[in-house]
N, C-alpha and C. Protein backbone atom coordinates (compact mmCIF):
# COMPACT_ATOMS: atom_id res chain seq x y z
N UNK A 1 135.98 77.20 376.98
CA UNK A 1 135.64 76.25 375.93
C UNK A 1 136.66 76.40 374.82
N UNK A 2 137.18 75.26 374.42
CA UNK A 2 138.22 75.27 373.41
C UNK A 2 137.59 75.30 372.03
N UNK A 3 138.05 76.28 371.20
CA UNK A 3 137.54 76.37 369.84
C UNK A 3 138.29 75.42 368.93
N UNK A 4 137.52 74.81 367.97
CA UNK A 4 138.17 73.98 366.96
C UNK A 4 138.83 74.89 365.93
N UNK A 5 140.08 74.70 365.66
CA UNK A 5 140.82 75.50 364.68
C UNK A 5 141.35 74.61 363.59
N UNK A 6 141.43 75.17 362.41
CA UNK A 6 141.96 74.44 361.25
C UNK A 6 143.40 74.86 361.08
N UNK A 7 144.27 73.91 361.04
CA UNK A 7 145.69 74.27 360.87
C UNK A 7 145.88 75.09 359.61
N UNK A 8 146.84 76.02 359.68
CA UNK A 8 147.08 76.94 358.56
C UNK A 8 147.41 76.19 357.28
N UNK A 9 148.17 75.09 357.39
CA UNK A 9 148.52 74.31 356.19
C UNK A 9 147.29 73.74 355.53
N UNK A 10 146.35 73.24 356.35
CA UNK A 10 145.11 72.67 355.81
C UNK A 10 144.27 73.74 355.16
N UNK A 11 144.23 74.96 355.76
CA UNK A 11 143.45 76.06 355.22
C UNK A 11 143.98 76.44 353.84
N UNK A 12 145.30 76.52 353.74
CA UNK A 12 145.92 76.87 352.46
C UNK A 12 145.62 75.83 351.42
N UNK A 13 145.63 74.55 351.79
CA UNK A 13 145.40 73.47 350.83
C UNK A 13 143.95 73.32 350.45
N UNK A 14 143.04 73.93 351.21
CA UNK A 14 141.61 73.75 350.91
C UNK A 14 141.08 74.74 349.89
N UNK A 15 141.87 75.75 349.43
CA UNK A 15 141.39 76.81 348.56
C UNK A 15 141.63 76.57 347.07
N UNK A 16 142.75 76.00 346.61
CA UNK A 16 143.11 76.01 345.20
C UNK A 16 142.16 75.32 344.25
N UNK A 17 141.14 74.61 344.69
CA UNK A 17 140.23 73.94 343.77
C UNK A 17 139.59 74.93 342.81
N UNK A 18 139.24 76.14 343.23
CA UNK A 18 138.53 77.10 342.39
C UNK A 18 139.39 77.61 341.24
N UNK A 19 140.66 78.04 341.52
CA UNK A 19 141.49 78.45 340.39
C UNK A 19 141.68 77.35 339.36
N UNK A 20 141.83 76.11 339.80
CA UNK A 20 142.01 75.00 338.87
C UNK A 20 140.78 74.88 337.98
N UNK A 21 139.60 74.91 338.56
CA UNK A 21 138.37 74.80 337.78
C UNK A 21 138.22 75.99 336.83
N UNK A 22 138.61 77.18 337.32
CA UNK A 22 138.51 78.38 336.49
C UNK A 22 139.35 78.22 335.22
N UNK A 23 140.61 77.77 335.38
CA UNK A 23 141.48 77.61 334.22
C UNK A 23 141.01 76.49 333.31
N UNK A 24 140.41 75.46 333.90
CA UNK A 24 139.85 74.39 333.07
C UNK A 24 138.74 74.94 332.17
N UNK A 25 137.89 75.83 332.73
CA UNK A 25 136.81 76.43 331.95
C UNK A 25 137.38 77.30 330.84
N UNK A 26 138.42 78.10 331.16
CA UNK A 26 139.05 78.95 330.15
C UNK A 26 139.59 78.10 329.01
N UNK A 27 140.26 76.99 329.37
CA UNK A 27 140.84 76.12 328.34
C UNK A 27 139.75 75.50 327.48
N UNK A 28 138.64 75.12 328.08
CA UNK A 28 137.53 74.53 327.33
C UNK A 28 136.95 75.55 326.36
N UNK A 29 136.77 76.81 326.84
CA UNK A 29 136.24 77.87 325.98
C UNK A 29 137.19 78.14 324.82
N UNK A 30 138.51 78.20 325.13
CA UNK A 30 139.49 78.44 324.07
C UNK A 30 139.48 77.30 323.06
N UNK A 31 139.33 76.09 323.57
CA UNK A 31 139.27 74.95 322.67
C UNK A 31 138.04 75.00 321.78
N UNK A 32 136.92 75.44 322.36
CA UNK A 32 135.69 75.56 321.58
C UNK A 32 135.83 76.59 320.48
N UNK A 33 136.46 77.73 320.84
CA UNK A 33 136.69 78.77 319.82
C UNK A 33 137.65 78.27 318.74
N UNK A 34 138.61 77.46 319.17
CA UNK A 34 139.53 76.90 318.19
C UNK A 34 138.83 76.00 317.21
N UNK A 35 137.93 75.15 317.72
CA UNK A 35 137.15 74.28 316.84
C UNK A 35 136.24 75.08 315.95
N UNK A 36 135.64 76.15 316.51
CA UNK A 36 134.76 77.00 315.71
C UNK A 36 135.55 77.68 314.59
N UNK A 37 136.76 78.16 314.94
CA UNK A 37 137.60 78.79 313.93
C UNK A 37 137.95 77.83 312.81
N UNK A 38 138.28 76.59 313.17
CA UNK A 38 138.59 75.58 312.15
C UNK A 38 137.39 75.32 311.27
N UNK A 39 136.22 75.27 311.89
CA UNK A 39 134.99 75.02 311.13
C UNK A 39 134.73 76.15 310.15
N UNK A 40 134.93 77.39 310.63
CA UNK A 40 134.70 78.55 309.75
C UNK A 40 135.68 78.55 308.59
N UNK A 41 136.96 78.26 308.90
CA UNK A 41 137.97 78.21 307.84
C UNK A 41 137.63 77.10 306.84
N UNK A 42 137.22 75.95 307.37
CA UNK A 42 136.84 74.84 306.48
C UNK A 42 135.65 75.19 305.61
N UNK A 43 134.67 75.87 306.20
CA UNK A 43 133.48 76.27 305.45
C UNK A 43 133.85 77.28 304.38
N UNK A 44 134.73 78.24 304.75
CA UNK A 44 135.17 79.24 303.78
C UNK A 44 135.88 78.61 302.60
N UNK A 45 136.75 77.63 302.89
CA UNK A 45 137.47 76.94 301.82
C UNK A 45 136.51 76.21 300.90
N UNK A 46 135.49 75.61 301.48
CA UNK A 46 134.50 74.89 300.68
C UNK A 46 133.72 75.84 299.79
N UNK A 47 133.33 77.01 300.34
CA UNK A 47 132.58 78.00 299.55
C UNK A 47 133.42 78.48 298.38
N UNK A 48 134.70 78.80 298.65
CA UNK A 48 135.59 79.27 297.58
C UNK A 48 135.77 78.20 296.52
N UNK A 49 135.96 76.96 296.96
CA UNK A 49 136.12 75.87 296.00
C UNK A 49 134.89 75.72 295.13
N UNK A 50 133.70 75.82 295.74
CA UNK A 50 132.45 75.70 294.98
C UNK A 50 132.29 76.84 293.98
N UNK A 51 132.77 78.03 294.32
CA UNK A 51 132.66 79.18 293.42
C UNK A 51 133.30 78.89 292.07
N UNK A 52 134.39 78.12 292.09
CA UNK A 52 135.16 77.89 290.87
C UNK A 52 134.91 76.51 290.26
N UNK A 53 133.82 75.89 290.66
CA UNK A 53 133.43 74.62 290.06
C UNK A 53 132.63 74.92 288.79
N UNK A 54 133.14 74.54 287.60
CA UNK A 54 132.46 74.89 286.35
C UNK A 54 131.00 74.47 286.30
N UNK A 55 130.71 73.25 286.76
CA UNK A 55 129.33 72.76 286.71
C UNK A 55 128.41 73.60 287.58
N UNK A 56 128.90 74.05 288.72
CA UNK A 56 128.09 74.88 289.61
C UNK A 56 127.83 76.25 288.97
N UNK A 57 128.89 76.84 288.38
CA UNK A 57 128.72 78.13 287.71
C UNK A 57 127.69 78.03 286.59
N UNK A 58 127.75 76.95 285.82
CA UNK A 58 126.80 76.76 284.73
C UNK A 58 125.38 76.58 285.26
N UNK A 59 125.26 75.84 286.37
CA UNK A 59 123.93 75.61 286.96
C UNK A 59 123.32 76.93 287.44
N UNK A 60 124.13 77.80 288.04
CA UNK A 60 123.63 79.09 288.50
C UNK A 60 123.21 79.94 287.31
N UNK A 61 124.05 79.98 286.27
CA UNK A 61 123.72 80.76 285.07
C UNK A 61 122.42 80.27 284.44
N UNK A 62 122.27 78.95 284.36
CA UNK A 62 121.09 78.38 283.72
C UNK A 62 119.83 78.55 284.57
N UNK A 63 120.01 78.81 285.87
CA UNK A 63 118.84 79.07 286.70
C UNK A 63 118.32 80.50 286.49
N UNK A 64 119.15 81.35 285.87
CA UNK A 64 118.77 82.74 285.62
C UNK A 64 118.33 82.97 284.18
N UNK A 65 119.06 82.38 283.23
CA UNK A 65 118.79 82.59 281.82
C UNK A 65 119.02 81.31 281.02
N UNK A 66 118.26 81.16 279.96
CA UNK A 66 118.65 80.27 278.88
C UNK A 66 119.59 81.06 278.00
N UNK A 67 120.66 80.45 277.54
CA UNK A 67 121.63 81.17 276.71
C UNK A 67 122.31 80.20 275.75
N UNK A 68 122.87 80.75 274.69
CA UNK A 68 123.64 79.95 273.74
C UNK A 68 124.94 80.67 273.43
N UNK A 69 126.05 79.96 273.61
CA UNK A 69 127.36 80.50 273.28
C UNK A 69 127.93 79.67 272.13
N UNK A 70 128.24 80.29 271.00
CA UNK A 70 128.77 79.55 269.85
C UNK A 70 129.99 78.71 270.24
N UNK A 71 130.04 77.48 269.71
CA UNK A 71 131.13 76.58 270.08
C UNK A 71 130.91 76.01 271.46
N UNK A 72 131.97 75.60 272.13
CA UNK A 72 131.86 75.03 273.46
C UNK A 72 132.12 76.10 274.52
N UNK A 73 131.48 75.94 275.65
CA UNK A 73 131.60 76.93 276.73
C UNK A 73 131.76 76.22 278.06
N UNK A 74 132.24 76.97 279.05
CA UNK A 74 132.40 76.39 280.38
C UNK A 74 132.14 77.44 281.44
N UNK A 75 131.73 76.98 282.62
CA UNK A 75 131.53 77.88 283.74
C UNK A 75 132.87 78.35 284.29
N UNK A 76 132.93 79.60 284.67
CA UNK A 76 134.17 80.17 285.22
C UNK A 76 134.03 80.38 286.73
N UNK A 77 132.98 81.09 287.14
CA UNK A 77 132.76 81.36 288.56
C UNK A 77 131.27 81.49 288.80
N UNK A 78 130.82 80.99 289.93
CA UNK A 78 129.41 81.08 290.30
C UNK A 78 129.26 81.40 291.77
N UNK A 79 128.42 82.38 292.07
CA UNK A 79 128.20 82.81 293.46
C UNK A 79 126.71 82.75 293.77
N UNK A 80 126.38 82.10 294.86
CA UNK A 80 125.00 82.03 295.32
C UNK A 80 125.00 82.50 296.76
N UNK A 81 124.72 83.78 296.96
CA UNK A 81 124.82 84.40 298.28
C UNK A 81 123.45 84.89 298.69
N UNK A 82 122.74 84.05 299.43
CA UNK A 82 121.37 84.39 299.82
C UNK A 82 120.50 84.48 298.59
N UNK A 83 119.85 85.64 298.41
CA UNK A 83 118.98 85.83 297.26
C UNK A 83 119.75 86.31 296.03
N UNK A 84 121.04 86.59 296.20
CA UNK A 84 121.85 87.09 295.09
C UNK A 84 122.57 85.94 294.40
N UNK A 85 122.52 85.96 293.05
CA UNK A 85 123.20 84.95 292.26
C UNK A 85 124.02 85.63 291.17
N UNK A 86 125.23 85.12 290.96
CA UNK A 86 126.12 85.66 289.94
C UNK A 86 126.81 84.49 289.24
N UNK A 87 126.96 84.58 287.93
CA UNK A 87 127.70 83.54 287.20
C UNK A 87 128.40 84.15 286.00
N UNK A 88 129.56 83.59 285.69
CA UNK A 88 130.30 83.97 284.49
C UNK A 88 130.60 82.71 283.69
N UNK A 89 130.25 82.75 282.42
CA UNK A 89 130.48 81.64 281.50
C UNK A 89 131.37 82.15 280.38
N UNK A 90 132.28 81.32 279.89
CA UNK A 90 133.14 81.77 278.80
C UNK A 90 133.30 80.67 277.76
N UNK A 91 133.68 81.09 276.56
CA UNK A 91 134.02 80.11 275.53
C UNK A 91 135.31 79.42 275.94
N UNK A 92 135.59 78.27 275.35
CA UNK A 92 136.77 77.51 275.74
C UNK A 92 138.00 77.85 274.90
N UNK A 93 137.88 78.86 274.06
CA UNK A 93 139.05 79.31 273.31
C UNK A 93 140.07 79.90 274.27
N UNK A 94 141.32 79.91 273.87
CA UNK A 94 142.38 80.46 274.71
C UNK A 94 143.14 81.53 273.93
N UNK A 95 142.95 82.82 274.26
CA UNK A 95 142.05 83.33 275.31
C UNK A 95 140.60 83.27 274.86
N UNK A 96 139.66 83.28 275.81
CA UNK A 96 138.24 83.21 275.43
C UNK A 96 137.82 84.40 274.58
N UNK A 97 137.04 84.13 273.54
CA UNK A 97 136.55 85.22 272.70
C UNK A 97 135.13 85.65 273.06
N UNK A 98 134.52 84.93 274.02
CA UNK A 98 133.19 85.29 274.51
C UNK A 98 133.15 85.07 276.02
N UNK A 99 132.71 86.07 276.76
CA UNK A 99 132.42 85.88 278.18
C UNK A 99 131.05 86.46 278.48
N UNK A 100 130.28 85.72 279.23
CA UNK A 100 128.91 86.11 279.58
C UNK A 100 128.79 86.22 281.09
N UNK A 101 128.41 87.40 281.55
CA UNK A 101 128.15 87.63 282.98
C UNK A 101 126.64 87.79 283.17
N UNK A 102 126.07 87.06 284.12
CA UNK A 102 124.65 87.21 284.45
C UNK A 102 124.51 87.28 285.97
N UNK A 103 123.52 88.04 286.43
CA UNK A 103 123.30 88.14 287.87
C UNK A 103 121.83 88.41 288.15
N UNK A 104 121.46 88.12 289.39
CA UNK A 104 120.10 88.40 289.86
C UNK A 104 120.17 88.77 291.33
N UNK A 105 119.45 89.83 291.71
CA UNK A 105 119.41 90.24 293.11
C UNK A 105 118.18 91.09 293.37
N UNK A 106 117.59 90.98 294.56
CA UNK A 106 116.49 91.88 294.92
C UNK A 106 116.97 93.32 294.93
N UNK A 107 116.15 94.23 294.46
CA UNK A 107 116.53 95.64 294.40
C UNK A 107 116.88 96.18 295.78
N UNK A 108 116.13 95.77 296.79
CA UNK A 108 116.41 96.25 298.15
C UNK A 108 117.80 95.83 298.60
N UNK A 109 118.21 94.62 298.23
CA UNK A 109 119.53 94.14 298.62
C UNK A 109 120.61 94.94 297.89
N UNK A 110 120.37 95.29 296.63
CA UNK A 110 121.33 96.07 295.87
C UNK A 110 121.54 97.44 296.52
N UNK A 111 120.46 98.06 296.99
CA UNK A 111 120.55 99.37 297.64
C UNK A 111 121.36 99.32 298.92
N UNK A 112 121.33 98.18 299.61
CA UNK A 112 121.98 98.06 300.91
C UNK A 112 123.43 97.58 300.80
N UNK A 113 123.90 97.25 299.60
CA UNK A 113 125.25 96.73 299.43
C UNK A 113 126.29 97.80 299.76
N UNK A 114 127.47 97.30 300.18
CA UNK A 114 128.58 98.21 300.47
C UNK A 114 129.11 98.81 299.17
N UNK A 115 130.03 99.76 299.32
CA UNK A 115 130.60 100.42 298.14
C UNK A 115 131.39 99.43 297.28
N UNK A 116 131.91 98.34 297.90
CA UNK A 116 132.60 97.31 297.14
C UNK A 116 131.55 96.52 296.38
N UNK A 117 131.50 96.71 295.07
CA UNK A 117 130.48 96.06 294.25
C UNK A 117 131.00 94.73 293.75
N UNK A 118 130.40 93.64 294.24
CA UNK A 118 130.85 92.31 293.88
C UNK A 118 130.72 92.05 292.39
N UNK A 119 129.65 92.57 291.78
CA UNK A 119 129.45 92.38 290.34
C UNK A 119 130.63 92.92 289.55
N UNK A 120 131.00 94.17 289.81
CA UNK A 120 132.07 94.82 289.06
C UNK A 120 133.41 94.12 289.32
N UNK A 121 133.64 93.74 290.58
CA UNK A 121 134.90 93.08 290.92
C UNK A 121 135.06 91.78 290.14
N UNK A 122 134.02 90.95 290.13
CA UNK A 122 134.10 89.67 289.42
C UNK A 122 134.24 89.88 287.92
N UNK A 123 133.54 90.88 287.39
CA UNK A 123 133.64 91.16 285.96
C UNK A 123 135.07 91.54 285.58
N UNK A 124 135.69 92.41 286.36
CA UNK A 124 137.03 92.86 286.03
C UNK A 124 138.05 91.74 286.16
N UNK A 125 137.85 90.87 287.15
CA UNK A 125 138.81 89.79 287.37
C UNK A 125 138.65 88.67 286.34
N UNK A 126 137.38 88.28 286.05
CA UNK A 126 137.16 87.10 285.24
C UNK A 126 136.65 87.37 283.82
N UNK A 127 136.25 88.62 283.53
CA UNK A 127 135.92 88.99 282.16
C UNK A 127 137.03 89.82 281.54
N UNK A 128 137.88 90.38 282.35
CA UNK A 128 138.94 91.23 281.86
C UNK A 128 138.50 92.69 281.81
N UNK A 129 139.46 93.56 281.54
CA UNK A 129 139.17 94.99 281.44
C UNK A 129 138.68 95.33 280.03
N UNK A 130 137.80 96.33 279.96
CA UNK A 130 137.30 96.76 278.66
C UNK A 130 137.47 98.27 278.56
N UNK A 131 138.27 98.70 277.58
CA UNK A 131 138.52 100.13 277.37
C UNK A 131 137.58 100.62 276.27
N UNK A 132 136.64 101.46 276.63
CA UNK A 132 135.59 101.89 275.71
C UNK A 132 136.09 103.01 274.80
N UNK A 133 135.83 102.85 273.50
CA UNK A 133 136.16 103.92 272.55
C UNK A 133 134.90 104.59 271.99
N UNK A 134 133.78 103.87 271.96
CA UNK A 134 132.52 104.48 271.52
C UNK A 134 131.35 103.68 272.10
N UNK A 135 130.23 104.38 272.30
CA UNK A 135 129.05 103.75 272.89
C UNK A 135 127.79 104.21 272.17
N UNK A 136 126.86 103.29 272.00
CA UNK A 136 125.53 103.65 271.52
C UNK A 136 124.49 102.88 272.33
N UNK A 137 123.32 103.47 272.46
CA UNK A 137 122.22 102.84 273.20
C UNK A 137 121.12 102.47 272.22
N UNK A 138 120.71 101.21 272.28
CA UNK A 138 119.62 100.74 271.43
C UNK A 138 118.57 100.05 272.30
N UNK A 139 117.31 100.24 271.98
CA UNK A 139 116.26 99.48 272.64
C UNK A 139 116.13 98.12 271.96
N UNK A 140 116.33 97.08 272.74
CA UNK A 140 116.21 95.72 272.22
C UNK A 140 115.40 94.89 273.19
N UNK A 141 114.94 93.75 272.72
CA UNK A 141 114.09 92.90 273.55
C UNK A 141 114.93 91.97 274.40
N UNK A 142 114.58 91.92 275.67
CA UNK A 142 115.20 91.00 276.61
C UNK A 142 114.12 90.43 277.50
N UNK A 143 113.94 89.14 277.44
CA UNK A 143 112.94 88.45 278.26
C UNK A 143 111.54 89.02 278.04
N UNK A 144 111.22 89.32 276.79
CA UNK A 144 109.89 89.79 276.45
C UNK A 144 109.64 91.25 276.72
N UNK A 145 110.67 92.01 277.12
CA UNK A 145 110.51 93.43 277.36
C UNK A 145 111.51 94.21 276.52
N UNK A 146 111.14 95.43 276.15
CA UNK A 146 112.07 96.31 275.45
C UNK A 146 112.90 97.06 276.49
N UNK A 147 114.21 96.90 276.41
CA UNK A 147 115.10 97.52 277.39
C UNK A 147 116.23 98.25 276.66
N UNK A 148 116.77 99.31 277.27
CA UNK A 148 117.93 99.97 276.66
C UNK A 148 119.18 99.10 276.82
N UNK A 149 119.88 98.90 275.72
CA UNK A 149 121.09 98.08 275.71
C UNK A 149 122.27 98.98 275.34
N UNK A 150 123.28 98.99 276.19
CA UNK A 150 124.49 99.74 275.90
C UNK A 150 125.42 98.85 275.07
N UNK A 151 125.71 99.28 273.85
CA UNK A 151 126.60 98.53 272.96
C UNK A 151 127.88 99.34 272.82
N UNK A 152 128.97 98.79 273.33
CA UNK A 152 130.23 99.52 273.38
C UNK A 152 131.28 98.87 272.48
N UNK A 153 132.03 99.71 271.80
CA UNK A 153 133.17 99.26 271.00
C UNK A 153 134.43 99.67 271.75
N UNK A 154 135.42 98.78 271.76
CA UNK A 154 136.64 99.14 272.48
C UNK A 154 137.70 98.07 272.40
N UNK A 155 138.56 98.07 273.41
CA UNK A 155 139.67 97.14 273.50
C UNK A 155 139.46 96.22 274.72
N UNK A 156 139.60 94.93 274.49
CA UNK A 156 139.44 93.95 275.55
C UNK A 156 140.82 93.50 276.01
N UNK A 157 141.06 93.63 277.32
CA UNK A 157 142.35 93.27 277.90
C UNK A 157 142.14 92.13 278.88
N UNK A 158 142.72 90.97 278.58
CA UNK A 158 142.56 89.78 279.41
C UNK A 158 143.83 89.52 280.20
N UNK A 159 143.99 90.18 281.32
CA UNK A 159 145.16 89.96 282.16
C UNK A 159 146.32 90.86 281.77
N UNK A 160 147.29 90.96 282.68
CA UNK A 160 148.42 91.86 282.51
C UNK A 160 149.28 91.57 281.28
N UNK A 161 149.65 90.29 281.02
CA UNK A 161 150.60 90.06 279.94
C UNK A 161 150.00 90.20 278.55
N UNK A 162 148.67 90.19 278.45
CA UNK A 162 148.02 90.14 277.14
C UNK A 162 147.98 91.51 276.48
N UNK A 163 147.87 91.48 275.17
CA UNK A 163 147.72 92.69 274.37
C UNK A 163 146.23 92.98 274.19
N UNK A 164 145.82 94.25 274.17
CA UNK A 164 144.41 94.58 273.95
C UNK A 164 143.92 94.04 272.61
N UNK A 165 142.69 93.50 272.62
CA UNK A 165 142.09 92.94 271.42
C UNK A 165 140.83 93.75 271.12
N UNK A 166 140.57 94.02 269.85
CA UNK A 166 139.33 94.71 269.48
C UNK A 166 138.14 93.91 270.00
N UNK A 167 137.19 94.60 270.63
CA UNK A 167 136.07 93.89 271.22
C UNK A 167 134.78 94.68 271.24
N UNK A 168 133.73 93.97 271.61
CA UNK A 168 132.38 94.54 271.73
C UNK A 168 131.83 94.14 273.10
N UNK A 169 131.13 95.09 273.74
CA UNK A 169 130.47 94.77 275.01
C UNK A 169 129.00 95.17 274.96
N UNK A 170 128.13 94.24 275.34
CA UNK A 170 126.70 94.49 275.49
C UNK A 170 126.39 94.50 276.98
N UNK A 171 125.67 95.54 277.43
CA UNK A 171 125.25 95.61 278.83
C UNK A 171 123.77 95.97 278.90
N UNK A 172 123.04 95.22 279.71
CA UNK A 172 121.61 95.49 279.87
C UNK A 172 121.15 94.97 281.22
N UNK A 173 120.00 95.48 281.66
CA UNK A 173 119.40 94.95 282.88
C UNK A 173 117.89 95.01 282.74
N UNK A 174 117.23 94.16 283.48
CA UNK A 174 115.77 94.09 283.45
C UNK A 174 115.26 93.90 284.86
N UNK A 175 114.19 94.61 285.21
CA UNK A 175 113.62 94.52 286.55
C UNK A 175 112.21 93.94 286.47
N UNK A 176 111.94 92.99 287.34
CA UNK A 176 110.62 92.36 287.36
C UNK A 176 110.31 91.91 288.78
N UNK A 177 109.17 92.35 289.32
CA UNK A 177 108.73 91.96 290.66
C UNK A 177 109.80 92.22 291.73
N UNK A 178 110.43 93.39 291.65
CA UNK A 178 111.40 93.77 292.68
C UNK A 178 112.74 93.07 292.56
N UNK A 179 112.98 92.39 291.44
CA UNK A 179 114.24 91.68 291.23
C UNK A 179 114.93 92.23 289.99
N UNK A 180 116.22 92.51 290.10
CA UNK A 180 116.98 93.03 288.98
C UNK A 180 117.92 91.95 288.43
N UNK A 181 117.88 91.79 287.11
CA UNK A 181 118.80 90.88 286.42
C UNK A 181 119.72 91.70 285.53
N UNK A 182 121.01 91.37 285.57
CA UNK A 182 121.99 92.08 284.75
C UNK A 182 122.66 91.12 283.77
N UNK A 183 123.01 91.69 282.62
CA UNK A 183 123.71 90.93 281.58
C UNK A 183 124.90 91.76 281.12
N UNK A 184 126.04 91.12 280.99
CA UNK A 184 127.23 91.77 280.47
C UNK A 184 127.94 90.78 279.56
N UNK A 185 127.98 91.06 278.27
CA UNK A 185 128.59 90.17 277.29
C UNK A 185 129.79 90.87 276.68
N UNK A 186 130.95 90.23 276.70
CA UNK A 186 132.13 90.77 276.03
C UNK A 186 132.61 89.75 275.00
N UNK A 187 132.78 90.21 273.76
CA UNK A 187 133.33 89.35 272.70
C UNK A 187 134.51 90.08 272.07
N UNK A 188 135.40 89.30 271.49
CA UNK A 188 136.56 89.92 270.87
C UNK A 188 136.97 89.14 269.63
N UNK A 189 137.91 89.71 268.90
CA UNK A 189 138.43 89.02 267.72
C UNK A 189 137.51 89.12 266.52
N UNK A 190 137.64 88.16 265.63
CA UNK A 190 136.88 88.15 264.38
C UNK A 190 135.38 88.02 264.65
N UNK A 191 134.59 88.82 263.93
CA UNK A 191 133.13 88.79 264.04
C UNK A 191 132.64 89.03 265.47
N UNK A 192 133.32 89.90 266.20
CA UNK A 192 132.94 90.17 267.60
C UNK A 192 131.52 90.68 267.71
N UNK A 193 131.13 91.59 266.82
CA UNK A 193 129.78 92.15 266.86
C UNK A 193 128.73 91.07 266.65
N UNK A 194 128.94 90.21 265.68
CA UNK A 194 127.97 89.14 265.40
C UNK A 194 127.85 88.17 266.57
N UNK A 195 128.99 87.85 267.18
CA UNK A 195 128.97 86.93 268.31
C UNK A 195 128.23 87.53 269.51
N UNK A 196 128.48 88.81 269.79
CA UNK A 196 127.82 89.46 270.92
C UNK A 196 126.31 89.52 270.70
N UNK A 197 125.91 89.89 269.48
CA UNK A 197 124.47 89.98 269.17
C UNK A 197 123.81 88.62 269.27
N UNK A 198 124.51 87.59 268.81
CA UNK A 198 123.93 86.24 268.84
C UNK A 198 123.71 85.76 270.28
N UNK A 199 124.69 85.99 271.12
CA UNK A 199 124.54 85.58 272.53
C UNK A 199 123.42 86.37 273.19
N UNK A 200 123.39 87.69 272.97
CA UNK A 200 122.36 88.51 273.60
C UNK A 200 120.97 88.07 273.18
N UNK A 201 120.75 87.84 271.90
CA UNK A 201 119.42 87.48 271.42
C UNK A 201 119.01 86.04 271.79
N UNK A 202 119.97 85.27 272.27
CA UNK A 202 119.64 83.92 272.73
C UNK A 202 119.14 83.90 274.17
N UNK A 203 119.31 85.03 274.89
CA UNK A 203 118.97 85.07 276.31
C UNK A 203 117.46 85.06 276.54
N UNK A 204 117.04 84.21 277.44
CA UNK A 204 115.64 84.15 277.89
C UNK A 204 115.64 83.99 279.41
N UNK A 205 114.90 84.87 280.08
CA UNK A 205 114.85 84.77 281.55
C UNK A 205 114.18 83.48 281.99
N UNK A 206 114.72 82.94 283.05
CA UNK A 206 114.09 81.77 283.68
C UNK A 206 113.53 82.23 285.02
N UNK A 207 112.22 82.25 285.10
CA UNK A 207 111.55 82.70 286.32
C UNK A 207 111.16 81.50 287.15
N UNK A 208 111.36 81.65 288.47
CA UNK A 208 110.96 80.57 289.38
C UNK A 208 109.46 80.45 289.42
N UNK A 209 109.02 79.22 289.39
CA UNK A 209 107.55 78.98 289.42
C UNK A 209 107.03 79.06 290.84
């Protein structure tokens, strides 16, 4: 009985379909990752752009505190990262003579943060460096509670080319229902102490209903 045989040429030509399909799948996956990468980059650019939108920064600050800054003010940077919110507002003088940093975050989230502290980083970049020469602690009222307030006298440095300016810094925090709010006010120039005190005493917490 004669067996049916497949010519060698036909056998060779009947196999390559699988490698072709395999490479098509690889290309599709790579294309998908490429689209995902573009989406992530686009999303990142949008987040960064939103951070530096003055109106957004002001909206975040106003969701945490009522505040008053003498003269005109503008939002500098605003971050809304999950339950954590950060905003910096400054006077429109050049250089600004008042900068207000406010933040809110659950205490548990603060404990779990990495060693890179976003609060400190943003303060140093957008509030400038503050070289302390003397410090005193006073109990003052913030959002209806008596809290220790660190009042520091020193030199305010706004960027590399600038000369240090005499300044005042107020720092305080308040905890309520497992949430910590921080305040950091830096003022400089004429009547720095009066400006810092005025901004601090204007602060009122805004609690979500």
